[in-house]
Amino acid sequence: MSAILGLTDLFKVADRIALDANAEAPRLRVRHLQADGASAPTVVFDSDDAAGTPKPKPCDVLILPPSLEPPIAREAAAPLAEWLRKRHSEGVVLASICAGAFLLGETGLPAGRTMTTHWNYAEAFRDRFPDVLLDTDRLIIDAGDIISAGGLMAWTDLGLKMVDRFLGPVVMASTARMLLVDPPGREQRYYSGFVPRLNHGDAAILKVQHFLQANEGKEARLSILAEQAGLEQRTFLRRFQKATGLTATDYAQRLRVTKAQELLQFGQLPMERVAWEIGYSDPGAFRKIFLRIVGLSPSEYRQRFHA
């Protein structure tokens, strides 16, 4: 409950800060959803629940909170997992905190990808989801459409991450100062990584985005992507750029660079091996692309942010 209510307060503080700075700033609308058995979750709280308030559009992000109870069982998770898969297919970002990772894991969406959860759950999580790459040394892992946060109190970091995404780094930093919590450090473009646009409503392009996220941009041949979308190649290129704001090539490069940032920050691999791991056989080409996107060379980035 501390995570649910704490996030609600954090977003309210951020909302006020944003509106004080700019009356035209976007608003954060927070809803609490409660699930009962096999029924679809229902809204039990709405921060804008007042007379005349417009009906809310679909969520941009669904956050699965932590729990003081043991992780949710497979049987109990099944109807929720199906509901979450449908929301994800509509462009909703799924985020988990602590043991909430078990419900997210039951969706099958993180298979082959990296997640985090509380270190105390590491063995149980690996046994239950052997196809998920678990890294409990990390506090937050942001893969764009799927985000996981580690321990019980990591909701503060996730909350600030969401404020940064929707209201910007200045509001995020001001919110952290107001609440006397450390900012997660992702307000700088060197550190924030790539945040893809997923709520554009083009189902064919969203399918390709999920495909690219899953393989971290390594398989980006036009013929393969167009086949994934079920579109003719020229149509695919046009619709992809319209939906995401990027060409398919640039999109894939940003996914690769995001993975490189992780390897540089948390690992010891030499630059040539980092380039190889993200799909570049030419280290020189990797350095040029990394510098263009991040604003620092790979070596400068490692020197500044290596953990």
C-alpha atoms as a PDB file:
ATOM      1  CA  MET A   1       0.000   0.000   0.000  1.00  0.00           C
ATOM      2  CA  SER A   2       2.922   2.350   0.637  1.00  0.00           C
ATOM      3  CA  ALA A   3       3.937   2.022  -3.021  1.00  0.00           C
ATOM      4  CA  ILE A   4       0.394   2.636  -4.323  1.00  0.00           C
ATOM      5  CA  LEU A   5      -0.293   5.640  -2.122  1.00  0.00           C
ATOM      6  CA  GLY A   6       3.275   6.920  -2.293  1.00  0.00           C
ATOM      7  CA  LEU A   7       3.282   6.913  -6.086  1.00  0.00           C
ATOM      8  CA  THR A   8      -0.080   8.695  -6.046  1.00  0.00           C
ATOM      9  CA  ASP A   9       1.383  11.430  -3.836  1.00  0.00           C
ATOM     10  CA  LEU A  10       4.589  11.642  -5.884  1.00  0.00           C
ATOM     11  CA  PHE A  11       2.641  12.115  -9.114  1.00  0.00           C
ATOM     12  CA  LYS A  12       0.414  14.725  -7.456  1.00  0.00           C
ATOM     13  CA  VAL A  13       3.468  16.702  -6.330  1.00  0.00           C
ATOM     14  CA  ALA A  14       4.972  16.466  -9.820  1.00  0.00           C
ATOM     15  CA  ASP A  15       1.662  17.567 -11.350  1.00  0.00           C
ATOM     16  CA  ARG A  16       1.543  20.684  -9.167  1.00  0.00           C
ATOM     17  CA  ILE A  17       5.157  21.574  -9.914  1.00  0.00           C
ATOM     18  CA  ALA A  18       4.552  21.233 -13.660  1.00  0.00           C
ATOM     19  CA  LEU A  19       1.372  23.343 -13.570  1.00  0.00           C
ATOM     20  CA  ASP A  20       3.013  26.055 -11.450  1.00  0.00           C
ATOM     21  CA  ALA A  21       5.726  26.342 -14.075  1.00  0.00           C
ATOM     22  CA  ASN A  22       3.398  26.123 -17.062  1.00  0.00           C
ATOM     23  CA  ALA A  23      -0.398  26.191 -16.921  1.00  0.00           C
ATOM     24  CA  GLU A  24      -0.491  24.368 -20.267  1.00  0.00           C
ATOM     25  CA  ALA A  25       1.660  21.465 -19.055  1.00  0.00           C
ATOM     26  CA  PRO A  26       0.242  17.952 -19.549  1.00  0.00           C
ATOM     27  CA  ARG A  27      -1.550  16.490 -16.528  1.00  0.00           C
ATOM     28  CA  LEU A  28      -0.802  13.186 -14.853  1.00  0.00           C
ATOM     29  CA  ARG A  29      -3.974  11.209 -14.197  1.00  0.00           C
ATOM     30  CA  VAL A  30      -3.626   8.361 -11.698  1.00  0.00           C
ATOM     31  CA  ARG A  31      -6.014   5.454 -11.296  1.00  0.00           C
ATOM     32  CA  HIS A  32      -5.954   2.485  -8.928  1.00  0.00           C
ATOM     33  CA  LEU A  33      -7.226  -0.774 -10.393  1.00  0.00           C
ATOM     34  CA  GLN A  34      -8.314  -3.750  -8.309  1.00  0.00           C
ATOM     35  CA  ALA A  35      -8.649  -7.313  -9.560  1.00  0.00           C
ATOM     36  CA  ASP A  36     -11.096  -9.828  -8.104  1.00  0.00           C
ATOM     37  CA  GLY A  37     -10.706 -13.411  -9.259  1.00  0.00           C
ATOM     38  CA  ALA A  38     -11.073 -13.911 -13.001  1.00  0.00           C
ATOM     39  CA  SER A  39     -12.906 -10.611 -13.556  1.00  0.00           C
ATOM     40  CA  ALA A  40     -11.183  -7.774 -15.382  1.00  0.00           C
ATOM     41  CA  PRO A  41      -9.654  -5.165 -13.051  1.00  0.00           C
ATOM     42  CA  THR A  42     -11.938  -2.298 -12.098  1.00  0.00           C
ATOM     43  CA  VAL A  43     -11.093   1.301 -11.194  1.00  0.00           C
ATOM     44  CA  VAL A  44     -11.409   1.967  -7.451  1.00  0.00           C
ATOM     45  CA  PHE A  45      -9.730   5.393  -7.428  1.00  0.00           C
ATOM     46  CA  ASP A  46      -9.310   8.141 -10.008  1.00  0.00           C
ATOM     47  CA  SER A  47      -7.332  11.301  -9.222  1.00  0.00           C
ATOM     48  CA  ASP A  48      -9.604  13.250 -11.614  1.00  0.00           C
ATOM     49  CA  ASP A  49     -12.851  11.634 -10.501  1.00  0.00           C
ATOM     50  CA  ALA A  50     -15.060  14.715 -10.370  1.00  0.00           C
ATOM     51  CA  ALA A  51     -18.232  15.949 -12.003  1.00  0.00           C
ATOM     52  CA  GLY A  52     -17.603  16.894 -15.596  1.00  0.00           C
ATOM     53  CA  THR A  53     -14.220  15.171 -15.793  1.00  0.00           C
ATOM     54  CA  PRO A  54     -13.736  13.645 -19.254  1.00  0.00           C
ATOM     55  CA  LYS A  55     -13.658   9.885 -19.490  1.00  0.00           C
ATOM     56  CA  PRO A  56      -9.985   8.837 -19.342  1.00  0.00           C
ATOM     57  CA  LYS A  57      -8.210   7.487 -22.379  1.00  0.00           C
ATOM     58  CA  PRO A  58      -6.429   4.115 -22.065  1.00  0.00           C
ATOM     59  CA  CYS A  59      -3.474   4.072 -19.674  1.00  0.00           C
ATOM     60  CA  ASP A  60      -0.016   4.977 -20.915  1.00  0.00           C
ATOM     61  CA  VAL A  61       1.581   2.909 -18.148  1.00  0.00           C
ATOM     62  CA  LEU A  62       0.308   0.110 -15.896  1.00  0.00           C
ATOM     63  CA  ILE A  63       2.370  -0.373 -12.729  1.00  0.00           C
ATOM     64  CA  LEU A  64       2.285  -3.725 -10.912  1.00  0.00           C
ATOM     65  CA  PRO A  65       3.034  -2.896  -7.273  1.00  0.00           C
ATOM     66  CA  PRO A  66       5.070  -4.852  -4.725  1.00  0.00           C
ATOM     67  CA  SER A  67       3.465  -7.009  -2.059  1.00  0.00           C
ATOM     68  CA  LEU A  68       4.201  -8.060   1.503  1.00  0.00           C
ATOM     69  CA  GLU A  69       2.743 -11.481   0.656  1.00  0.00           C
ATOM     70  CA  PRO A  70       4.559 -14.259  -1.260  1.00  0.00           C
ATOM     71  CA  PRO A  71       4.699 -13.769  -5.067  1.00  0.00           C
ATOM     72  CA  ILE A  72       1.428 -14.386  -6.890  1.00  0.00           C
ATOM     73  CA  ALA A  73       0.764 -18.018  -7.862  1.00  0.00           C
ATOM     74  CA  ARG A  74       0.501 -19.065 -11.507  1.00  0.00           C
ATOM     75  CA  GLU A  75      -3.177 -19.959 -11.197  1.00  0.00           C
ATOM     76  CA  ALA A  76      -4.112 -16.618  -9.662  1.00  0.00           C
ATOM     77  CA  ALA A  77      -1.970 -14.746 -12.191  1.00  0.00           C
ATOM     78  CA  ALA A  78      -3.423 -16.386 -15.332  1.00  0.00           C
ATOM     79  CA  PRO A  79      -6.476 -14.121 -15.940  1.00  0.00           C
ATOM     80  CA  LEU A  80      -4.499 -10.994 -15.020  1.00  0.00           C
ATOM     81  CA  ALA A  81      -1.629 -12.014 -17.296  1.00  0.00           C
ATOM     82  CA  GLU A  82      -3.983 -12.378 -20.254  1.00  0.00           C
ATOM     83  CA  TRP A  83      -5.524  -8.972 -19.523  1.00  0.00           C
ATOM     84  CA  LEU A  84      -2.054  -7.398 -19.296  1.00  0.00           C
ATOM     85  CA  ARG A  85      -0.975  -8.956 -22.598  1.00  0.00           C
ATOM     86  CA  LYS A  86      -3.954  -7.328 -24.301  1.00  0.00           C
ATOM     87  CA  ARG A  87      -3.112  -3.932 -22.809  1.00  0.00           C
ATOM     88  CA  HIS A  88       0.520  -4.315 -23.913  1.00  0.00           C
ATOM     89  CA  SER A  89      -0.591  -5.169 -27.447  1.00  0.00           C
ATOM     90  CA  GLU A  90      -2.495  -1.854 -27.444  1.00  0.00           C
ATOM     91  CA  GLY A  91       0.681   0.112 -26.686  1.00  0.00           C
ATOM     92  CA  VAL A  92       0.514   0.264 -22.878  1.00  0.00           C
ATOM     93  CA  VAL A  93       3.865   0.186 -21.051  1.00  0.00           C
ATOM     94  CA  LEU A  94       4.006  -2.472 -18.309  1.00  0.00           C
ATOM     95  CA  ALA A  95       6.078  -1.778 -15.190  1.00  0.00           C
ATOM     96  CA  SER A  96       6.708  -3.883 -12.100  1.00  0.00           C
ATOM     97  CA  ILE A  97       8.104  -3.206  -8.636  1.00  0.00           C
ATOM     98  CA  CYS A  98       9.744  -5.885  -6.490  1.00  0.00           C
ATOM     99  CA  ALA A  99       7.545  -9.039  -6.453  1.00  0.00           C
ATOM    100  CA  GLY A 100       5.286  -7.452  -9.076  1.00  0.00           C
ATOM    101  CA  ALA A 101       7.858  -8.880 -11.495  1.00  0.00           C
ATOM    102  CA  PHE A 102       6.288 -12.333 -11.014  1.00  0.00           C
ATOM    103  CA  LEU A 103       2.964 -11.171 -12.454  1.00  0.00           C
ATOM    104  CA  LEU A 104       4.768  -9.439 -15.293  1.00  0.00           C
ATOM    105  CA  GLY A 105       6.756 -12.630 -15.900  1.00  0.00           C
ATOM    106  CA  GLU A 106       3.527 -14.635 -16.192  1.00  0.00           C
ATOM    107  CA  THR A 107       2.546 -12.603 -19.258  1.00  0.00           C
ATOM    108  CA  GLY A 108       5.409 -14.225 -21.178  1.00  0.00           C
ATOM    109  CA  LEU A 109       6.377 -10.839 -22.579  1.00  0.00           C
ATOM    110  CA  PRO A 110       9.797 -10.572 -20.856  1.00  0.00           C
ATOM    111  CA  ALA A 111      11.026 -13.909 -22.306  1.00  0.00           C
ATOM    112  CA  GLY A 112      14.572 -13.484 -23.617  1.00  0.00           C
ATOM    113  CA  ARG A 113      14.832 -10.026 -22.079  1.00  0.00           C
ATOM    114  CA  THR A 114      16.404  -8.624 -18.917  1.00  0.00           C
ATOM    115  CA  MET A 115      14.430  -7.826 -15.757  1.00  0.00           C
ATOM    116  CA  THR A 116      15.111  -7.115 -12.122  1.00  0.00           C
ATOM    117  CA  THR A 117      13.290  -7.839  -8.872  1.00  0.00           C
ATOM    118  CA  HIS A 118      14.196  -7.952  -5.170  1.00  0.00           C
ATOM    119  CA  TRP A 119      17.420  -9.911  -4.635  1.00  0.00           C
ATOM    120  CA  ASN A 120      15.635 -12.120  -2.100  1.00  0.00           C
ATOM    121  CA  TYR A 121      13.365 -13.425  -4.867  1.00  0.00           C
ATOM    122  CA  ALA A 122      16.162 -14.100  -7.348  1.00  0.00           C
ATOM    123  CA  GLU A 123      16.284 -17.888  -7.019  1.00  0.00           C
ATOM    124  CA  ALA A 124      12.492 -18.282  -7.066  1.00  0.00           C
ATOM    125  CA  PHE A 125      12.197 -15.975 -10.081  1.00  0.00           C
ATOM    126  CA  ARG A 126      14.898 -17.838 -12.065  1.00  0.00           C
ATOM    127  CA  ASP A 127      13.275 -21.184 -11.296  1.00  0.00           C
ATOM    128  CA  ARG A 128       9.867 -19.944 -12.427  1.00  0.00           C
ATOM    129  CA  PHE A 129      11.003 -17.919 -15.461  1.00  0.00           C
ATOM    130  CA  PRO A 130      14.195 -19.557 -16.801  1.00  0.00           C
ATOM    131  CA  ASP A 131      13.795 -17.769 -20.154  1.00  0.00           C
ATOM    132  CA  VAL A 132      14.062 -14.298 -18.531  1.00  0.00           C
ATOM    133  CA  LEU A 133      17.515 -12.791 -17.957  1.00  0.00           C
ATOM    134  CA  LEU A 134      17.499 -11.668 -14.329  1.00  0.00           C
ATOM    135  CA  ASP A 135      19.904  -9.001 -13.065  1.00  0.00           C
ATOM    136  CA  THR A 136      19.264  -8.223  -9.393  1.00  0.00           C
ATOM    137  CA  ASP A 137      22.296  -5.900  -9.278  1.00  0.00           C
ATOM    138  CA  ARG A 138      20.235  -3.327 -11.148  1.00  0.00           C
ATOM    139  CA  LEU A 139      17.667  -1.069  -9.489  1.00  0.00           C
ATOM    140  CA  ILE A 140      15.706  -0.211 -12.635  1.00  0.00           C
ATOM    141  CA  ILE A 141      15.760  -1.824 -16.058  1.00  0.00           C
ATOM    142  CA  ASP A 142      13.927   0.213 -18.669  1.00  0.00           C
ATOM    143  CA  ALA A 143      13.334  -1.584 -21.958  1.00  0.00           C
ATOM    144  CA  GLY A 144      10.902   1.012 -23.236  1.00  0.00           C
ATOM    145  CA  ASP A 145       7.728  -1.077 -23.294  1.00  0.00           C
ATOM    146  CA  ILE A 146       8.616  -3.136 -20.193  1.00  0.00           C
ATOM    147  CA  ILE A 147      10.152  -1.627 -17.041  1.00  0.00           C
ATOM    148  CA  SER A 148      11.123  -3.423 -13.836  1.00  0.00           C
ATOM    149  CA  ALA A 149      12.278  -1.983 -10.521  1.00  0.00           C
ATOM    150  CA  GLY A 150      14.093  -3.953  -7.826  1.00  0.00           C
ATOM    151  CA  GLY A 151      13.295  -3.659  -4.138  1.00  0.00           C
ATOM    152  CA  LEU A 152      10.177  -2.768  -2.194  1.00  0.00           C
ATOM    153  CA  MET A 153      11.035   0.954  -2.021  1.00  0.00           C
ATOM    154  CA  ALA A 154      12.174   1.212  -5.629  1.00  0.00           C
ATOM    155  CA  TRP A 155       8.769   2.765  -6.344  1.00  0.00           C
ATOM    156  CA  THR A 156      10.393   6.156  -5.670  1.00  0.00           C
ATOM    157  CA  ASP A 157      12.892   5.580  -8.498  1.00  0.00           C
ATOM    158  CA  LEU A 158      10.209   4.245 -10.826  1.00  0.00           C
ATOM    159  CA  GLY A 159       7.935   7.180 -10.005  1.00  0.00           C
ATOM    160  CA  LEU A 160      10.636   9.707 -10.805  1.00  0.00           C
ATOM    161  CA  LYS A 161      11.395   7.787 -13.976  1.00  0.00           C
ATOM    162  CA  MET A 162       7.773   8.211 -15.055  1.00  0.00           C
ATOM    163  CA  VAL A 163       7.789  11.916 -14.165  1.00  0.00           C
ATOM    164  CA  ASP A 164      10.927  12.327 -16.295  1.00  0.00           C
ATOM    165  CA  ARG A 165       9.248  10.531 -19.186  1.00  0.00           C
ATOM    166  CA  PHE A 166       5.970  12.479 -19.170  1.00  0.00           C
ATOM    167  CA  LEU A 167       6.818  15.865 -17.628  1.00  0.00           C
ATOM    168  CA  GLY A 168      10.547  16.168 -18.316  1.00  0.00           C
ATOM    169  CA  PRO A 169      13.815  16.232 -16.361  1.00  0.00           C
ATOM    170  CA  VAL A 170      13.314  19.662 -14.760  1.00  0.00           C
ATOM    171  CA  VAL A 171      10.031  18.652 -13.132  1.00  0.00           C
ATOM    172  CA  MET A 172      11.550  15.299 -12.149  1.00  0.00           C
ATOM    173  CA  ALA A 173      14.490  16.983 -10.391  1.00  0.00           C
ATOM    174  CA  SER A 174      12.183  19.467  -8.644  1.00  0.00           C
ATOM    175  CA  THR A 175       9.934  16.628  -7.472  1.00  0.00           C
ATOM    176  CA  ALA A 176      12.926  14.745  -6.060  1.00  0.00           C
ATOM    177  CA  ARG A 177      14.056  17.857  -4.176  1.00  0.00           C
ATOM    178  CA  MET A 178      10.562  18.474  -2.820  1.00  0.00           C
ATOM    179  CA  LEU A 179      10.289  14.899  -1.534  1.00  0.00           C
ATOM    180  CA  LEU A 180      13.914  14.760  -0.328  1.00  0.00           C
ATOM    181  CA  VAL A 181      14.711  11.644  -2.344  1.00  0.00           C
ATOM    182  CA  ASP A 182      17.642  11.049  -4.636  1.00  0.00           C
ATOM    183  CA  PRO A 183      16.828  11.376  -8.334  1.00  0.00           C
ATOM    184  CA  PRO A 184      17.512   8.179 -10.277  1.00  0.00           C
ATOM    185  CA  GLY A 185      20.102   9.939 -12.443  1.00  0.00           C
ATOM    186  CA  ARG A 186      18.258   9.289 -15.693  1.00  0.00           C
ATOM    187  CA  GLU A 187      17.421  12.895 -16.322  1.00  0.00           C
ATOM    188  CA  GLN A 188      20.581  13.388 -18.403  1.00  0.00           C
ATOM    189  CA  ARG A 189      20.365  12.276 -22.000  1.00  0.00           C
ATOM    190  CA  TYR A 190      23.644  10.380 -21.642  1.00  0.00           C
ATOM    191  CA  TYR A 191      21.973   8.138 -19.085  1.00  0.00           C
ATOM    192  CA  SER A 192      18.306   8.040 -19.965  1.00  0.00           C
ATOM    193  CA  GLY A 193      18.513   5.746 -22.959  1.00  0.00           C
ATOM    194  CA  PHE A 194      15.934   5.385 -25.701  1.00  0.00           C
ATOM    195  CA  VAL A 195      12.214   5.787 -24.886  1.00  0.00           C
ATOM    196  CA  PRO A 196      10.213   4.509 -27.880  1.00  0.00           C
ATOM    197  CA  ARG A 197       6.790   5.865 -28.822  1.00  0.00           C
ATOM    198  CA  LEU A 198       4.314   3.013 -28.310  1.00  0.00           C
ATOM    199  CA  ASN A 199       0.877   4.635 -28.007  1.00  0.00           C
ATOM    200  CA  HIS A 200       0.479   5.665 -31.660  1.00  0.00           C
ATOM    201  CA  GLY A 201      -2.312   3.162 -32.380  1.00  0.00           C
ATOM    202  CA  ASP A 202      -0.772   1.449 -35.438  1.00  0.00           C
ATOM    203  CA  ALA A 203      -0.983  -2.248 -34.503  1.00  0.00           C
ATOM    204  CA  ALA A 204       1.220  -3.459 -37.369  1.00  0.00           C
ATOM    205  CA  ILE A 205       4.038  -1.073 -36.445  1.00  0.00           C
ATOM    206  CA  LEU A 206       3.642  -1.828 -32.734  1.00  0.00           C
ATOM    207  CA  LYS A 207       4.177  -5.523 -33.523  1.00  0.00           C
ATOM    208  CA  VAL A 208       7.446  -4.650 -35.271  1.00  0.00           C
ATOM    209  CA  GLN A 209       8.510  -2.470 -32.334  1.00  0.00           C
ATOM    210  CA  HIS A 210       7.965  -5.385 -29.940  1.00  0.00           C
ATOM    211  CA  PHE A 211       9.981  -7.598 -32.328  1.00  0.00           C
ATOM    212  CA  LEU A 212      12.836  -5.074 -32.377  1.00  0.00           C
ATOM    213  CA  GLN A 213      12.734  -4.644 -28.583  1.00  0.00           C
ATOM    214  CA  ALA A 214      12.955  -8.401 -28.090  1.00  0.00           C
ATOM    215  CA  ASN A 215      16.065  -8.766 -30.279  1.00  0.00           C
ATOM    216  CA  GLU A 216      17.558  -5.413 -29.143  1.00  0.00           C
ATOM    217  CA  GLY A 217      17.651  -4.056 -32.681  1.00  0.00           C
ATOM    218  CA  LYS A 218      20.037  -6.715 -34.018  1.00  0.00           C
ATOM    219  CA  GLU A 219      17.599  -8.013 -36.648  1.00  0.00           C
ATOM    220  CA  ALA A 220      16.562  -4.924 -38.576  1.00  0.00           C
ATOM    221  CA  ARG A 221      16.582  -6.029 -42.210  1.00  0.00           C
ATOM    222  CA  LEU A 222      13.815  -4.277 -44.097  1.00  0.00           C
ATOM    223  CA  SER A 223      12.457  -7.507 -45.588  1.00  0.00           C
ATOM    224  CA  ILE A 224      12.152  -9.106 -42.131  1.00  0.00           C
ATOM    225  CA  LEU A 225      10.514  -6.054 -40.546  1.00  0.00           C
ATOM    226  CA  ALA A 226       8.032  -5.607 -43.389  1.00  0.00           C
ATOM    227  CA  GLU A 227       7.149  -9.305 -43.127  1.00  0.00           C
ATOM    228  CA  GLN A 228       6.592  -8.928 -39.365  1.00  0.00           C
ATOM    229  CA  ALA A 229       4.238  -6.025 -40.058  1.00  0.00           C
ATOM    230  CA  GLY A 230       2.480  -7.799 -42.925  1.00  0.00           C
ATOM    231  CA  LEU A 231       3.084  -4.780 -45.150  1.00  0.00           C
ATOM    232  CA  GLU A 232       4.733  -3.991 -48.463  1.00  0.00           C
ATOM    233  CA  GLN A 233       8.200  -2.538 -47.811  1.00  0.00           C
ATOM    234  CA  ARG A 234       7.534   1.018 -48.970  1.00  0.00           C
ATOM    235  CA  THR A 235       4.273   1.129 -47.017  1.00  0.00           C
ATOM    236  CA  PHE A 236       6.049  -0.220 -43.952  1.00  0.00           C
ATOM    237  CA  LEU A 237       8.789   2.438 -44.113  1.00  0.00           C
ATOM    238  CA  ARG A 238       6.255   5.233 -44.429  1.00  0.00           C
ATOM    239  CA  ARG A 239       4.032   3.988 -41.610  1.00  0.00           C
ATOM    240  CA  PHE A 240       6.954   3.206 -39.305  1.00  0.00           C
ATOM    241  CA  GLN A 241       8.336   6.729 -39.523  1.00  0.00           C
ATOM    242  CA  LYS A 242       4.884   8.261 -39.138  1.00  0.00           C
ATOM    243  CA  ALA A 243       4.174   6.180 -35.999  1.00  0.00           C
ATOM    244  CA  THR A 244       7.553   6.379 -34.257  1.00  0.00           C
ATOM    245  CA  GLY A 245       9.069   9.586 -35.587  1.00  0.00           C
ATOM    246  CA  LEU A 246      12.177   7.640 -36.644  1.00  0.00           C
ATOM    247  CA  THR A 247      13.318   5.571 -39.563  1.00  0.00           C
ATOM    248  CA  ALA A 248      13.510   1.848 -38.895  1.00  0.00           C
ATOM    249  CA  THR A 249      17.311   2.009 -39.146  1.00  0.00           C
ATOM    250  CA  ASP A 250      17.621   4.839 -36.625  1.00  0.00           C
ATOM    251  CA  TYR A 251      15.163   3.097 -34.312  1.00  0.00           C
ATOM    252  CA  ALA A 252      17.210  -0.116 -34.357  1.00  0.00           C
ATOM    253  CA  GLN A 253      20.443   1.837 -33.814  1.00  0.00           C
ATOM    254  CA  ARG A 254      18.978   3.502 -30.730  1.00  0.00           C
ATOM    255  CA  LEU A 255      17.990   0.130 -29.312  1.00  0.00           C
ATOM    256  CA  ARG A 256      21.529  -1.159 -29.880  1.00  0.00           C
ATOM    257  CA  VAL A 257      23.073   1.924 -28.293  1.00  0.00           C
ATOM    258  CA  THR A 258      20.796   1.543 -25.258  1.00  0.00           C
ATOM    259  CA  LYS A 259      22.143  -1.992 -24.798  1.00  0.00           C
ATOM    260  CA  ALA A 260      25.694  -0.684 -25.253  1.00  0.00           C
ATOM    261  CA  GLN A 261      25.079   1.881 -22.504  1.00  0.00           C
ATOM    262  CA  GLU A 262      24.135  -0.965 -20.155  1.00  0.00           C
ATOM    263  CA  LEU A 263      27.248  -2.973 -21.057  1.00  0.00           C
ATOM    264  CA  LEU A 264      29.512   0.056 -20.628  1.00  0.00           C
ATOM    265  CA  GLN A 265      27.955   1.100 -17.337  1.00  0.00           C
ATOM    266  CA  PHE A 266      27.749  -2.279 -15.640  1.00  0.00           C
ATOM    267  CA  GLY A 267      30.439  -4.407 -17.334  1.00  0.00           C
ATOM    268  CA  GLN A 268      34.145  -4.602 -18.074  1.00  0.00           C
ATOM    269  CA  LEU A 269      34.095  -5.729 -21.706  1.00  0.00           C
ATOM    270  CA  PRO A 270      36.546  -3.979 -24.063  1.00  0.00           C
ATOM    271  CA  MET A 271      35.025  -1.604 -26.613  1.00  0.00           C
ATOM    272  CA  GLU A 272      35.468  -4.012 -29.499  1.00  0.00           C
ATOM    273  CA  ARG A 273      33.568  -6.711 -27.615  1.00  0.00           C
ATOM    274  CA  VAL A 274      30.799  -4.279 -26.665  1.00  0.00           C
ATOM    275  CA  ALA A 275      30.415  -3.391 -30.342  1.00  0.00           C
ATOM    276  CA  TRP A 276      30.266  -7.077 -31.267  1.00  0.00           C
ATOM    277  CA  GLU A 277      27.721  -7.883 -28.535  1.00  0.00           C
ATOM    278  CA  ILE A 278      25.244  -5.339 -29.894  1.00  0.00           C
ATOM    279  CA  GLY A 279      25.680  -6.408 -33.494  1.00  0.00           C
ATOM    280  CA  TYR A 280      28.485  -4.227 -34.930  1.00  0.00           C
ATOM    281  CA  SER A 281      31.515  -5.923 -36.489  1.00  0.00           C
ATOM    282  CA  ASP A 282      33.165  -2.533 -37.100  1.00  0.00           C
ATOM    283  CA  PRO A 283      34.097  -0.795 -33.786  1.00  0.00           C
ATOM    284  CA  GLY A 284      34.654   2.465 -35.647  1.00  0.00           C
ATOM    285  CA  ALA A 285      31.087   2.501 -36.968  1.00  0.00           C
ATOM    286  CA  PHE A 286      29.831   1.696 -33.466  1.00  0.00           C
ATOM    287  CA  ARG A 287      31.745   4.649 -31.964  1.00  0.00           C
ATOM    288  CA  LYS A 288      30.350   7.080 -34.550  1.00  0.00           C
ATOM    289  CA  ILE A 289      26.747   5.955 -34.006  1.00  0.00           C
ATOM    290  CA  PHE A 290      27.140   5.981 -30.207  1.00  0.00           C
ATOM    291  CA  LEU A 291      28.577   9.518 -30.245  1.00  0.00           C
ATOM    292  CA  ARG A 292      25.795  10.765 -32.527  1.00  0.00           C
ATOM    293  CA  ILE A 293      23.028   9.394 -30.333  1.00  0.00           C
ATOM    294  CA  VAL A 294      24.448   9.794 -26.807  1.00  0.00           C
ATOM    295  CA  GLY A 295      26.644  12.856 -27.217  1.00  0.00           C
ATOM    296  CA  LEU A 296      29.649  11.099 -25.653  1.00  0.00           C
ATOM    297  CA  SER A 297      32.068   8.560 -27.074  1.00  0.00           C
ATOM    298  CA  PRO A 298      31.781   5.024 -25.594  1.00  0.00           C
ATOM    299  CA  SER A 299      34.998   5.535 -23.601  1.00  0.00           C
ATOM    300  CA  GLU A 300      33.797   8.902 -22.239  1.00  0.00           C
ATOM    301  CA  TYR A 301      30.476   7.356 -21.304  1.00  0.00           C
ATOM    302  CA  ARG A 302      32.168   4.489 -19.426  1.00  0.00           C
ATOM    303  CA  GLN A 303      34.512   6.859 -17.612  1.00  0.00           C
ATOM    304  CA  ARG A 304      31.614   9.003 -16.471  1.00  0.00           C
ATOM    305  CA  PHE A 305      28.964   6.430 -15.597  1.00  0.00           C
ATOM    306  CA  HIS A 306      30.658   3.109 -14.928  1.00  0.00           C
ATOM    307  CA  ALA A 307      29.217   1.565 -11.765  1.00  0.00           C
END
